[in-house]
Amino acid sequence: MPKFRLMIAYDGAAFHGWQIQPTVRTVEGDLTRAAERLLGMGRGEVKVQGASRTDAGVHALGQVAHLVFSQDRSPWDLVRGLNGLTEDDVTVVRAEPVDDTFHARHDARGKIYHYRIWAHRFVNPHARRRAWHVRARLDLARVREAAALLVGVHDFAAFRASDCQSETTVRELWRVDVHEEGDGLRIEVEGTAFLKYMVRIIAGTLVDVGRGHIEVADVARALEGGDRKDIGQTAPPHGLTLVKVHYPSWPWSAPEPRIGGAWLADEADEEG
C-alpha cells in the first residue's frame, strides 16, 4: 500500500495540540478527517502518524507525518486535496512517496524548535500570537551564559513536566542559541529528542535568569541534581514553534516547496 510523507505547517492557537482527541479540535484530527473524505475511507481507516506531539497552542512550520492508503494518488493530488478540506490554520506544504519502512516518529533523528519572546513594557499586536510578552528587559549576557550550560548530553529531569512518561530523562542538545530580534529574543534549540514541556521550561528558565530571578549557577545545579525547584517557570505555549524534523537517512527529494520565510533560521533551511 502506498505510504506518503507529509510536511505540515500550522497555527496552533485554535488546536488542542497535535494528537487526535474525541471532543476537541487537534491537528491530527483535522488531517485525519480530511484524508478520510479525500480518499473515501471510513472512520478509523486512515492513520496520520506525526513525528512530534506538539502541545495545545504550539505552532509548526516543519511538522512531519506519514499516512498509508490503498489508492493511487500523486503527491500534488494529495497536497491539493488535503489543503482543500482543512481550515486555513493548517497547511500541507509538501508530500512525497516513501518506502513502507519509513516511520515519521521512529526515524526522526533530531528537531529544531524556536521560542520567541517580546521583552517590552507594551504589547506588540503583531507578535502576541507568536511570542511570549515579558514586561522586562532581559540581561542577554546572563541568558546566553545559562543557555551554554544546556548544550551537550545531560540529565534533563528538572526540565520536564511532572506527568512526563519518558523512560529516560537523558537528552543531547546540539545547540541553544539566543538571538536578538529588536526588542525580543529568539531562542533556537536543536537536539536529538525532547521531554514533555522541555523547550518551554528551558525558555522560562532563561527568561528568569535574564530577569535576575534565578542565578546561572541554579541552572547548573538543576542539571546535576534534577530538582525542578532550582529552575524557572514553564513558558506559555504560543511562543513555541517546531521548525524542522531531521531525517538524515530519509532526505526529502527536493528542497522546495517550503514555507515560513523569515521565521526559518539559516540552519533550518538546509534539507536532509
Foldseek 3Di string as FASTA:
>chain_A
DWKKKWWKWFQQAQAQWADDDDPGHHVQVLLQVLVCVLVVHDPPPKGWAWQDTGGRLATEFGIMTMIDDDDDDQFVSSQVSSVVRGDPRMHGFTMDTDPPVDGNHVQFFKFKKKFKAQADLDDDVVCPQAHHYHPHQFDVVQLVLLQVLQAAWFQQLLQADPPWDDPGRIWHWHGWDWDDDPNMIMTMTMTGDDIHLRVQQSVQQSRCRRVVVAGSVLSVVCRVPVHNVSGGDRHDNSRMYTYHTARPPDWDPDLDDGDDVPNDDPVSSDTD
